[in-house]
Amino acid sequence: MKKKYKVYRKQLFETQERAKFLQYCEEQSIIDKEKGRIKWQVRWMLVHLAMNTGLRSSEIAKLTIQNVHIIAKPPYLFVHQGKRGKDRDVNIDRELTKHLQEFIGLKKSYKQSIEPTSPLLTGQNNQPYTTTALYISFREALKQSGVIRDGLSLHSARHSYASLLYHKTKDLRAVQDQLGHADLNMSGLYVNIFPEERSRIANSILDEEKPKFKRTKPPAGRFKANKEAEDLYRLKFAARELNKILGLEPPINVNGIREELINQLREASKEIRYTPVRDWAADKLSDETLKVLKDLVNIK
């Protein structure tokens, strides 16, 4: 029986890890460029391709100059004979497009071949990278950047790209097309696996946010100089909210006279004086209601 494929969170780059990793590799590339070295410039190209396209290591290794279509609109990479021997186009973002254009110019300056059939990434003696060499180079980049932990590898870039793409687009078909999945169910593995998305899902079971008192002050001119009417307005608002949030039995009579309303509010406030209940109420009640309860001792 075929084992069911799964993607685990530890195989994904966290958002901060991704940003740190990309920044470090780009900085090292700039340093190498200034010193006339090519090592990190090639490594940065590998990392940028992997993180921003989700290509498989074998697909990156087989990329040739003629597979890079940076003048096309929109620009794309042509993957020739990917997994299961299938061809596909992979759309690329503007930053990666610019980087690829600069990298091909770099190869020319180092007298590396940019003939259409020449490999995009080459190692020693201008030989194409093997998938093993790509994994080792990527792993070394992780190690030197400080973004190193169990679960992260070159293939993590593919998982992370897929989860980020779905998180941004909510389009499974787009994930399937970009990643070259034969089955849409495979693309479905990346639904809700993005770390920030999982955080949102976890928090979705919480009760609704504490209500906000939209009128912290009565509308201009509503009560004019009538301070008593303004106080009554605030007391009734607090009473309605306490009835709803605390489920008071019997409920506060919001239509009672002012003195009766104040007494009932004071009684209700006694229920939320104990620390656990007070903390809970502070989360649920609006700032205006909490202020009313606090000010009750000053209302005569």
C-alpha atoms as a PDB file:
ATOM      1  CA  MET A   1       0.000   0.000   0.000  1.00  0.00           C
ATOM      2  CA  LYS A   2       1.367   3.395  -1.021  1.00  0.00           C
ATOM      3  CA  LYS A   3       2.297   5.603   1.926  1.00  0.00           C
ATOM      4  CA  LYS A   4       0.315   8.820   2.136  1.00  0.00           C
ATOM      5  CA  TYR A   5       2.455  11.892   1.549  1.00  0.00           C
ATOM      6  CA  LYS A   6       2.396  14.585   4.240  1.00  0.00           C
ATOM      7  CA  VAL A   7       3.939  18.014   4.745  1.00  0.00           C
ATOM      8  CA  TYR A   8       4.860  19.014   8.284  1.00  0.00           C
ATOM      9  CA  ARG A   9       5.362  22.471   9.725  1.00  0.00           C
ATOM     10  CA  LYS A  10       9.009  21.764  10.573  1.00  0.00           C
ATOM     11  CA  GLN A  11       9.624  21.426   6.823  1.00  0.00           C
ATOM     12  CA  LEU A  12       8.552  25.034   6.237  1.00  0.00           C
ATOM     13  CA  PHE A  13      10.490  28.240   6.613  1.00  0.00           C
ATOM     14  CA  GLU A  14       8.900  30.530   9.180  1.00  0.00           C
ATOM     15  CA  THR A  15       8.309  34.037   7.824  1.00  0.00           C
ATOM     16  CA  GLN A  16      11.210  35.529   9.794  1.00  0.00           C
ATOM     17  CA  GLU A  17      13.504  32.647   8.834  1.00  0.00           C
ATOM     18  CA  ARG A  18      12.694  33.151   5.178  1.00  0.00           C
ATOM     19  CA  ALA A  19      13.396  36.883   5.325  1.00  0.00           C
ATOM     20  CA  LYS A  20      16.649  36.397   7.253  1.00  0.00           C
ATOM     21  CA  PHE A  21      17.861  33.666   4.908  1.00  0.00           C
ATOM     22  CA  LEU A  22      17.165  35.627   1.720  1.00  0.00           C
ATOM     23  CA  GLN A  23      18.724  38.797   3.107  1.00  0.00           C
ATOM     24  CA  TYR A  24      21.891  37.028   4.248  1.00  0.00           C
ATOM     25  CA  CYS A  25      22.432  35.286   0.898  1.00  0.00           C
ATOM     26  CA  GLU A  26      21.899  38.495  -1.038  1.00  0.00           C
ATOM     27  CA  GLU A  27      24.343  40.378   1.211  1.00  0.00           C
ATOM     28  CA  GLN A  28      27.000  37.698   0.757  1.00  0.00           C
ATOM     29  CA  SER A  29      26.477  37.867  -2.997  1.00  0.00           C
ATOM     30  CA  ILE A  30      27.067  41.634  -2.968  1.00  0.00           C
ATOM     31  CA  ILE A  31      30.267  41.166  -0.945  1.00  0.00           C
ATOM     32  CA  ASP A  32      31.547  38.507  -3.374  1.00  0.00           C
ATOM     33  CA  LYS A  33      30.708  40.714  -6.347  1.00  0.00           C
ATOM     34  CA  GLU A  34      32.749  43.591  -4.887  1.00  0.00           C
ATOM     35  CA  LYS A  35      35.692  41.233  -4.306  1.00  0.00           C
ATOM     36  CA  GLY A  36      35.487  39.603  -7.728  1.00  0.00           C
ATOM     37  CA  ARG A  37      34.353  36.230  -6.411  1.00  0.00           C
ATOM     38  CA  ILE A  38      31.537  34.182  -7.919  1.00  0.00           C
ATOM     39  CA  LYS A  39      30.762  31.539  -5.264  1.00  0.00           C
ATOM     40  CA  TRP A  40      28.030  33.391  -3.342  1.00  0.00           C
ATOM     41  CA  GLN A  41      26.643  34.974  -6.497  1.00  0.00           C
ATOM     42  CA  VAL A  42      25.863  31.496  -7.815  1.00  0.00           C
ATOM     43  CA  ARG A  43      24.622  30.357  -4.408  1.00  0.00           C
ATOM     44  CA  TRP A  44      22.308  33.391  -4.104  1.00  0.00           C
ATOM     45  CA  MET A  45      20.888  32.579  -7.551  1.00  0.00           C
ATOM     46  CA  LEU A  46      20.198  29.017  -6.394  1.00  0.00           C
ATOM     47  CA  VAL A  47      18.527  30.163  -3.165  1.00  0.00           C
ATOM     48  CA  HIS A  48      16.443  32.856  -4.904  1.00  0.00           C
ATOM     49  CA  LEU A  49      15.257  30.383  -7.561  1.00  0.00           C
ATOM     50  CA  ALA A  50      14.355  27.724  -5.004  1.00  0.00           C
ATOM     51  CA  MET A  51      12.582  30.072  -2.587  1.00  0.00           C
ATOM     52  CA  ASN A  52      10.644  32.062  -5.222  1.00  0.00           C
ATOM     53  CA  THR A  53       9.637  29.374  -7.707  1.00  0.00           C
ATOM     54  CA  GLY A  54       9.309  26.115  -5.765  1.00  0.00           C
ATOM     55  CA  LEU A  55      11.248  24.246  -8.463  1.00  0.00           C
ATOM     56  CA  ARG A  56      12.457  20.765  -7.625  1.00  0.00           C
ATOM     57  CA  SER A  57      16.224  20.360  -7.272  1.00  0.00           C
ATOM     58  CA  SER A  58      16.339  18.266 -10.472  1.00  0.00           C
ATOM     59  CA  GLU A  59      14.441  21.000 -12.326  1.00  0.00           C
ATOM     60  CA  ILE A  60      16.876  23.688 -11.150  1.00  0.00           C
ATOM     61  CA  ALA A  61      19.838  21.528 -12.176  1.00  0.00           C
ATOM     62  CA  LYS A  62      18.426  21.083 -15.691  1.00  0.00           C
ATOM     63  CA  LEU A  63      17.623  24.779 -16.317  1.00  0.00           C
ATOM     64  CA  THR A  64      19.389  26.147 -19.379  1.00  0.00           C
ATOM     65  CA  ILE A  65      19.735  29.706 -20.675  1.00  0.00           C
ATOM     66  CA  GLN A  66      17.012  29.096 -23.265  1.00  0.00           C
ATOM     67  CA  ASN A  67      14.608  28.046 -20.485  1.00  0.00           C
ATOM     68  CA  VAL A  68      14.778  31.537 -18.956  1.00  0.00           C
ATOM     69  CA  HIS A  69      12.237  33.832 -20.615  1.00  0.00           C
ATOM     70  CA  ILE A  70      12.808  37.195 -18.974  1.00  0.00           C
ATOM     71  CA  ILE A  71      11.641  39.329 -21.914  1.00  0.00           C
ATOM     72  CA  ALA A  72       8.292  37.547 -22.213  1.00  0.00           C
ATOM     73  CA  LYS A  73       5.189  39.118 -20.705  1.00  0.00           C
ATOM     74  CA  PRO A  74       4.736  37.810 -18.125  1.00  0.00           C
ATOM     75  CA  PRO A  75       8.284  36.422 -17.651  1.00  0.00           C
ATOM     76  CA  TYR A  76       8.559  32.708 -16.962  1.00  0.00           C
ATOM     77  CA  LEU A  77      10.825  29.689 -16.710  1.00  0.00           C
ATOM     78  CA  PHE A  78      10.262  26.715 -18.983  1.00  0.00           C
ATOM     79  CA  VAL A  79      10.665  23.431 -17.129  1.00  0.00           C
ATOM     80  CA  HIS A  80      11.591  20.761 -19.658  1.00  0.00           C
ATOM     81  CA  GLN A  81      10.775  17.200 -18.677  1.00  0.00           C
ATOM     82  CA  GLY A  82      10.071  17.770 -15.028  1.00  0.00           C
ATOM     83  CA  LYS A  83       8.684  15.013 -12.814  1.00  0.00           C
ATOM     84  CA  ARG A  84       7.010  12.261 -14.865  1.00  0.00           C
ATOM     85  CA  GLY A  85       8.617  13.826 -17.964  1.00  0.00           C
ATOM     86  CA  LYS A  86       6.101  16.688 -18.113  1.00  0.00           C
ATOM     87  CA  ASP A  87       6.852  20.192 -19.380  1.00  0.00           C
ATOM     88  CA  ARG A  88       5.418  23.314 -17.768  1.00  0.00           C
ATOM     89  CA  ASP A  89       5.794  27.082 -17.529  1.00  0.00           C
ATOM     90  CA  VAL A  90       6.555  28.634 -14.137  1.00  0.00           C
ATOM     91  CA  ASN A  91       5.744  32.317 -13.783  1.00  0.00           C
ATOM     92  CA  ILE A  92       8.371  34.409 -11.979  1.00  0.00           C
ATOM     93  CA  ASP A  93       8.167  37.643 -10.003  1.00  0.00           C
ATOM     94  CA  ARG A  94       9.790  40.916 -11.069  1.00  0.00           C
ATOM     95  CA  GLU A  95      12.631  40.745  -8.525  1.00  0.00           C
ATOM     96  CA  LEU A  96      13.647  37.269  -9.613  1.00  0.00           C
ATOM     97  CA  THR A  97      13.354  38.342 -13.261  1.00  0.00           C
ATOM     98  CA  LYS A  98      15.778  41.208 -12.660  1.00  0.00           C
ATOM     99  CA  HIS A  99      18.128  38.924 -10.732  1.00  0.00           C
ATOM    100  CA  LEU A 100      18.164  36.348 -13.559  1.00  0.00           C
ATOM    101  CA  GLN A 101      18.943  39.050 -16.106  1.00  0.00           C
ATOM    102  CA  GLU A 102      21.849  40.312 -13.993  1.00  0.00           C
ATOM    103  CA  PHE A 103      23.079  36.764 -13.365  1.00  0.00           C
ATOM    104  CA  ILE A 104      23.219  35.897 -17.065  1.00  0.00           C
ATOM    105  CA  GLY A 105      25.219  39.107 -17.593  1.00  0.00           C
ATOM    106  CA  LEU A 106      27.518  37.993 -14.757  1.00  0.00           C
ATOM    107  CA  LYS A 107      28.132  34.622 -16.421  1.00  0.00           C
ATOM    108  CA  LYS A 108      29.164  36.449 -19.578  1.00  0.00           C
ATOM    109  CA  SER A 109      31.598  38.666 -17.652  1.00  0.00           C
ATOM    110  CA  TYR A 110      33.198  35.549 -16.148  1.00  0.00           C
ATOM    111  CA  LYS A 111      33.505  34.108 -19.645  1.00  0.00           C
ATOM    112  CA  GLN A 112      30.999  31.366 -18.914  1.00  0.00           C
ATOM    113  CA  SER A 113      28.906  30.140 -21.807  1.00  0.00           C
ATOM    114  CA  ILE A 114      25.502  31.747 -22.285  1.00  0.00           C
ATOM    115  CA  GLU A 115      24.646  29.720 -25.349  1.00  0.00           C
ATOM    116  CA  PRO A 116      20.938  28.694 -25.376  1.00  0.00           C
ATOM    117  CA  THR A 117      21.688  25.105 -24.346  1.00  0.00           C
ATOM    118  CA  SER A 118      24.216  26.068 -21.644  1.00  0.00           C
ATOM    119  CA  PRO A 119      23.210  25.289 -18.036  1.00  0.00           C
ATOM    120  CA  LEU A 120      22.123  28.282 -15.960  1.00  0.00           C
ATOM    121  CA  LEU A 121      24.005  27.163 -12.850  1.00  0.00           C
ATOM    122  CA  THR A 122      27.491  25.714 -13.157  1.00  0.00           C
ATOM    123  CA  GLY A 123      30.109  24.641 -10.649  1.00  0.00           C
ATOM    124  CA  GLN A 124      33.786  23.963 -11.023  1.00  0.00           C
ATOM    125  CA  ASN A 125      35.142  23.877 -14.595  1.00  0.00           C
ATOM    126  CA  ASN A 126      31.765  25.214 -15.763  1.00  0.00           C
ATOM    127  CA  GLN A 127      30.168  21.795 -15.248  1.00  0.00           C
ATOM    128  CA  PRO A 128      26.400  21.612 -14.536  1.00  0.00           C
ATOM    129  CA  TYR A 129      25.451  21.180 -10.901  1.00  0.00           C
ATOM    130  CA  THR A 130      24.224  17.773  -9.816  1.00  0.00           C
ATOM    131  CA  THR A 131      21.198  17.659  -7.525  1.00  0.00           C
ATOM    132  CA  THR A 132      23.489  16.495  -4.723  1.00  0.00           C
ATOM    133  CA  ALA A 133      25.757  19.511  -5.230  1.00  0.00           C
ATOM    134  CA  LEU A 134      22.724  21.818  -5.126  1.00  0.00           C
ATOM    135  CA  TYR A 135      21.564  20.272  -1.839  1.00  0.00           C
ATOM    136  CA  ILE A 136      25.040  20.692  -0.335  1.00  0.00           C
ATOM    137  CA  SER A 137      25.324  24.328  -1.487  1.00  0.00           C
ATOM    138  CA  PHE A 138      21.854  25.160  -0.156  1.00  0.00           C
ATOM    139  CA  ARG A 139      22.627  23.455   3.161  1.00  0.00           C
ATOM    140  CA  GLU A 140      25.835  25.450   3.479  1.00  0.00           C
ATOM    141  CA  ALA A 141      23.888  28.666   2.872  1.00  0.00           C
ATOM    142  CA  LEU A 142      21.455  27.697   5.653  1.00  0.00           C
ATOM    143  CA  LYS A 143      24.313  26.941   8.020  1.00  0.00           C
ATOM    144  CA  GLN A 144      26.194  30.174   7.395  1.00  0.00           C
ATOM    145  CA  SER A 145      23.033  32.313   7.611  1.00  0.00           C
ATOM    146  CA  GLY A 146      22.207  30.875  11.026  1.00  0.00           C
ATOM    147  CA  VAL A 147      18.863  29.555   9.754  1.00  0.00           C
ATOM    148  CA  ILE A 148      19.696  25.945  10.498  1.00  0.00           C
ATOM    149  CA  ARG A 149      17.448  23.399  12.202  1.00  0.00           C
ATOM    150  CA  ASP A 150      16.023  19.925  11.685  1.00  0.00           C
ATOM    151  CA  GLY A 151      13.563  19.724   8.822  1.00  0.00           C
ATOM    152  CA  LEU A 152      14.968  22.496   6.626  1.00  0.00           C
ATOM    153  CA  SER A 153      16.540  21.579   3.304  1.00  0.00           C
ATOM    154  CA  LEU A 154      16.463  22.564  -0.359  1.00  0.00           C
ATOM    155  CA  HIS A 155      13.095  20.811  -0.685  1.00  0.00           C
ATOM    156  CA  SER A 156      11.768  22.969   2.170  1.00  0.00           C
ATOM    157  CA  ALA A 157      11.995  25.894  -0.242  1.00  0.00           C
ATOM    158  CA  ARG A 158       9.440  24.133  -2.453  1.00  0.00           C
ATOM    159  CA  HIS A 159       7.073  23.415   0.455  1.00  0.00           C
ATOM    160  CA  SER A 160       7.400  26.969   1.746  1.00  0.00           C
ATOM    161  CA  TYR A 161       6.784  28.506  -1.676  1.00  0.00           C
ATOM    162  CA  ALA A 162       3.662  26.385  -2.177  1.00  0.00           C
ATOM    163  CA  SER A 163       2.214  27.266   1.236  1.00  0.00           C
ATOM    164  CA  LEU A 164       3.001  30.961   0.777  1.00  0.00           C
ATOM    165  CA  LEU A 165       1.489  30.968  -2.735  1.00  0.00           C
ATOM    166  CA  TYR A 166      -1.754  29.433  -1.484  1.00  0.00           C
ATOM    167  CA  HIS A 167      -1.829  31.775   1.514  1.00  0.00           C
ATOM    168  CA  LYS A 168      -1.547  34.780  -0.811  1.00  0.00           C
ATOM    169  CA  THR A 169      -3.885  33.631  -3.611  1.00  0.00           C
ATOM    170  CA  LYS A 170      -6.261  31.035  -2.089  1.00  0.00           C
ATOM    171  CA  ASP A 171      -6.065  29.455  -5.552  1.00  0.00           C
ATOM    172  CA  LEU A 172      -5.290  25.721  -5.549  1.00  0.00           C
ATOM    173  CA  ARG A 173      -5.126  25.626  -9.336  1.00  0.00           C
ATOM    174  CA  ALA A 174      -2.383  28.256  -9.308  1.00  0.00           C
ATOM    175  CA  VAL A 175      -0.419  26.153  -6.804  1.00  0.00           C
ATOM    176  CA  GLN A 176      -0.907  23.054  -8.965  1.00  0.00           C
ATOM    177  CA  ASP A 177       0.236  24.830 -12.141  1.00  0.00           C
ATOM    178  CA  GLN A 178       3.278  26.498 -10.567  1.00  0.00           C
ATOM    179  CA  LEU A 179       4.442  23.395  -8.690  1.00  0.00           C
ATOM    180  CA  GLY A 180       3.606  20.898 -11.434  1.00  0.00           C
ATOM    181  CA  HIS A 181       1.423  18.636  -9.299  1.00  0.00           C
ATOM    182  CA  ALA A 182      -0.298  15.862 -11.216  1.00  0.00           C
ATOM    183  CA  ASP A 183      -3.103  15.700  -8.654  1.00  0.00           C
ATOM    184  CA  LEU A 184      -4.962  18.625  -7.109  1.00  0.00           C
ATOM    185  CA  ASN A 185      -5.044  16.663  -3.848  1.00  0.00           C
ATOM    186  CA  MET A 186      -1.281  17.090  -3.645  1.00  0.00           C
ATOM    187  CA  SER A 187      -1.712  20.868  -3.880  1.00  0.00           C
ATOM    188  CA  GLY A 188      -4.338  20.584  -1.167  1.00  0.00           C
ATOM    189  CA  LEU A 189      -1.631  19.582   1.307  1.00  0.00           C
ATOM    190  CA  TYR A 190      -0.612  23.243   1.451  1.00  0.00           C
ATOM    191  CA  VAL A 191      -4.029  24.559   2.493  1.00  0.00           C
ATOM    192  CA  ASN A 192      -3.845  26.100   5.980  1.00  0.00           C
ATOM    193  CA  ILE A 193      -0.303  24.868   6.621  1.00  0.00           C
ATOM    194  CA  PHE A 194       1.213  28.369   6.437  1.00  0.00           C
ATOM    195  CA  PRO A 195       2.282  29.240  10.040  1.00  0.00           C
ATOM    196  CA  GLU A 196       0.395  32.550  10.171  1.00  0.00           C
ATOM    197  CA  GLU A 197      -2.692  30.864   8.731  1.00  0.00           C
ATOM    198  CA  ARG A 198      -2.576  28.202  11.428  1.00  0.00           C
ATOM    199  CA  SER A 199      -2.367  30.937  14.053  1.00  0.00           C
ATOM    200  CA  ARG A 200      -5.471  32.573  12.579  1.00  0.00           C
ATOM    201  CA  ILE A 201      -7.320  29.244  12.605  1.00  0.00           C
ATOM    202  CA  ALA A 202      -6.348  28.583  16.220  1.00  0.00           C
ATOM    203  CA  ASN A 203      -7.618  31.996  17.286  1.00  0.00           C
ATOM    204  CA  SER A 204     -10.857  31.641  15.311  1.00  0.00           C
ATOM    205  CA  ILE A 205     -12.377  29.483  18.078  1.00  0.00           C
ATOM    206  CA  LEU A 206     -12.191  32.353  20.532  1.00  0.00           C
ATOM    207  CA  ASP A 207     -15.291  34.364  21.319  1.00  0.00           C
ATOM    208  CA  GLU A 208     -15.956  37.485  19.342  1.00  0.00           C
ATOM    209  CA  GLU A 209     -13.738  40.446  20.086  1.00  0.00           C
ATOM    210  CA  LYS A 210     -14.781  42.567  22.996  1.00  0.00           C
ATOM    211  CA  PRO A 211     -17.379  45.082  21.856  1.00  0.00           C
ATOM    212  CA  LYS A 212     -16.210  48.566  21.141  1.00  0.00           C
ATOM    213  CA  PHE A 213     -18.198  51.515  22.391  1.00  0.00           C
ATOM    214  CA  LYS A 214     -18.334  53.560  19.212  1.00  0.00           C
ATOM    215  CA  ARG A 215     -19.671  56.642  20.944  1.00  0.00           C
ATOM    216  CA  THR A 216     -17.171  57.298  23.684  1.00  0.00           C
ATOM    217  CA  LYS A 217     -18.770  60.709  23.787  1.00  0.00           C
ATOM    218  CA  PRO A 218     -22.421  61.445  22.937  1.00  0.00           C
ATOM    219  CA  PRO A 219     -22.909  63.051  19.515  1.00  0.00           C
ATOM    220  CA  ALA A 220     -22.317  66.796  19.566  1.00  0.00           C
ATOM    221  CA  GLY A 221     -25.436  68.669  20.566  1.00  0.00           C
ATOM    222  CA  ARG A 222     -27.353  65.556  21.588  1.00  0.00           C
ATOM    223  CA  PHE A 223     -27.473  66.385  25.282  1.00  0.00           C
ATOM    224  CA  LYS A 224     -26.236  69.967  25.053  1.00  0.00           C
ATOM    225  CA  ALA A 225     -25.559  71.062  28.603  1.00  0.00           C
ATOM    226  CA  ASN A 226     -27.629  68.289  30.189  1.00  0.00           C
ATOM    227  CA  LYS A 227     -24.999  66.350  32.168  1.00  0.00           C
ATOM    228  CA  GLU A 228     -27.622  64.166  33.822  1.00  0.00           C
ATOM    229  CA  ALA A 229     -28.937  62.951  30.461  1.00  0.00           C
ATOM    230  CA  GLU A 230     -25.398  62.158  29.320  1.00  0.00           C
ATOM    231  CA  ASP A 231     -24.747  60.128  32.512  1.00  0.00           C
ATOM    232  CA  LEU A 232     -27.990  58.217  32.022  1.00  0.00           C
ATOM    233  CA  TYR A 233     -27.015  57.403  28.425  1.00  0.00           C
ATOM    234  CA  ARG A 234     -23.711  55.924  29.609  1.00  0.00           C
ATOM    235  CA  LEU A 235     -25.377  53.977  32.440  1.00  0.00           C
ATOM    236  CA  LYS A 236     -27.911  52.391  30.069  1.00  0.00           C
ATOM    237  CA  PHE A 237     -25.208  51.416  27.605  1.00  0.00           C
ATOM    238  CA  ALA A 238     -23.219  49.726  30.396  1.00  0.00           C
ATOM    239  CA  ALA A 239     -26.350  47.957  31.659  1.00  0.00           C
ATOM    240  CA  ARG A 240     -27.185  46.546  28.209  1.00  0.00           C
ATOM    241  CA  GLU A 241     -23.628  45.306  27.739  1.00  0.00           C
ATOM    242  CA  LEU A 242     -23.485  43.693  31.205  1.00  0.00           C
ATOM    243  CA  ASN A 243     -26.807  41.923  30.543  1.00  0.00           C
ATOM    244  CA  LYS A 244     -25.451  40.542  27.269  1.00  0.00           C
ATOM    245  CA  ILE A 245     -21.918  39.614  28.378  1.00  0.00           C
ATOM    246  CA  LEU A 246     -22.548  38.409  31.933  1.00  0.00           C
ATOM    247  CA  GLY A 247     -26.004  36.950  31.298  1.00  0.00           C
ATOM    248  CA  LEU A 248     -27.332  38.528  34.517  1.00  0.00           C
ATOM    249  CA  GLU A 249     -30.361  36.923  36.136  1.00  0.00           C
ATOM    250  CA  PRO A 250     -32.483  38.855  36.699  1.00  0.00           C
ATOM    251  CA  PRO A 251     -31.192  41.333  34.097  1.00  0.00           C
ATOM    252  CA  ILE A 252     -30.643  44.983  34.912  1.00  0.00           C
ATOM    253  CA  ASN A 253     -33.752  46.992  34.123  1.00  0.00           C
ATOM    254  CA  VAL A 254     -32.378  49.512  31.606  1.00  0.00           C
ATOM    255  CA  ASN A 255     -35.670  51.418  31.660  1.00  0.00           C
ATOM    256  CA  GLY A 256     -35.695  51.913  35.422  1.00  0.00           C
ATOM    257  CA  ILE A 257     -35.151  55.229  37.132  1.00  0.00           C
ATOM    258  CA  ARG A 258     -31.583  56.535  37.442  1.00  0.00           C
ATOM    259  CA  GLU A 259     -31.118  55.621  41.137  1.00  0.00           C
ATOM    260  CA  GLU A 260     -32.395  52.085  40.572  1.00  0.00           C
ATOM    261  CA  LEU A 261     -30.092  51.685  37.582  1.00  0.00           C
ATOM    262  CA  ILE A 262     -27.055  52.813  39.589  1.00  0.00           C
ATOM    263  CA  ASN A 263     -27.847  50.372  42.414  1.00  0.00           C
ATOM    264  CA  GLN A 264     -28.220  47.434  40.005  1.00  0.00           C
ATOM    265  CA  LEU A 265     -24.964  48.335  38.265  1.00  0.00           C
ATOM    266  CA  ARG A 266     -23.185  48.448  41.614  1.00  0.00           C
ATOM    267  CA  GLU A 267     -24.517  44.995  42.440  1.00  0.00           C
ATOM    268  CA  ALA A 268     -23.375  43.680  39.085  1.00  0.00           C
ATOM    269  CA  SER A 269     -19.923  45.180  39.612  1.00  0.00           C
ATOM    270  CA  LYS A 270     -19.545  43.077  42.774  1.00  0.00           C
ATOM    271  CA  GLU A 271     -19.617  39.949  40.589  1.00  0.00           C
ATOM    272  CA  ILE A 272     -16.496  40.997  38.735  1.00  0.00           C
ATOM    273  CA  ARG A 273     -14.344  42.082  41.664  1.00  0.00           C
ATOM    274  CA  TYR A 274     -12.652  38.720  42.082  1.00  0.00           C
ATOM    275  CA  THR A 275      -9.432  38.491  40.061  1.00  0.00           C
ATOM    276  CA  PRO A 276     -10.322  35.619  37.656  1.00  0.00           C
ATOM    277  CA  VAL A 277     -13.706  37.116  36.801  1.00  0.00           C
ATOM    278  CA  ARG A 278     -12.254  40.632  36.620  1.00  0.00           C
ATOM    279  CA  ASP A 279      -9.618  39.583  34.107  1.00  0.00           C
ATOM    280  CA  TRP A 280     -12.210  37.772  32.040  1.00  0.00           C
ATOM    281  CA  ALA A 281     -14.574  40.762  32.099  1.00  0.00           C
ATOM    282  CA  ALA A 282     -11.766  43.156  31.149  1.00  0.00           C
ATOM    283  CA  ASP A 283     -11.359  41.131  27.974  1.00  0.00           C
ATOM    284  CA  LYS A 284     -15.054  41.080  27.136  1.00  0.00           C
ATOM    285  CA  LEU A 285     -16.395  44.466  28.198  1.00  0.00           C
ATOM    286  CA  SER A 286     -15.842  47.684  26.295  1.00  0.00           C
ATOM    287  CA  ASP A 287     -13.588  50.372  27.766  1.00  0.00           C
ATOM    288  CA  GLU A 288     -16.605  52.623  28.234  1.00  0.00           C
ATOM    289  CA  THR A 289     -18.488  50.081  30.366  1.00  0.00           C
ATOM    290  CA  LEU A 290     -15.407  49.410  32.510  1.00  0.00           C
ATOM    291  CA  LYS A 291     -15.058  53.152  33.031  1.00  0.00           C
ATOM    292  CA  VAL A 292     -18.707  53.431  34.095  1.00  0.00           C
ATOM    293  CA  LEU A 293     -18.228  50.677  36.692  1.00  0.00           C
ATOM    294  CA  LYS A 294     -15.065  52.328  37.954  1.00  0.00           C
ATOM    295  CA  ASP A 295     -16.777  55.713  38.217  1.00  0.00           C
ATOM    296  CA  LEU A 296     -19.888  54.425  39.995  1.00  0.00           C
ATOM    297  CA  VAL A 297     -18.544  55.366  43.398  1.00  0.00           C
ATOM    298  CA  ASN A 298     -18.372  58.984  42.224  1.00  0.00           C
ATOM    299  CA  ILE A 299     -21.956  59.110  40.945  1.00  0.00           C
ATOM    300  CA  LYS A 300     -24.236  60.595  43.550  1.00  0.00           C
END
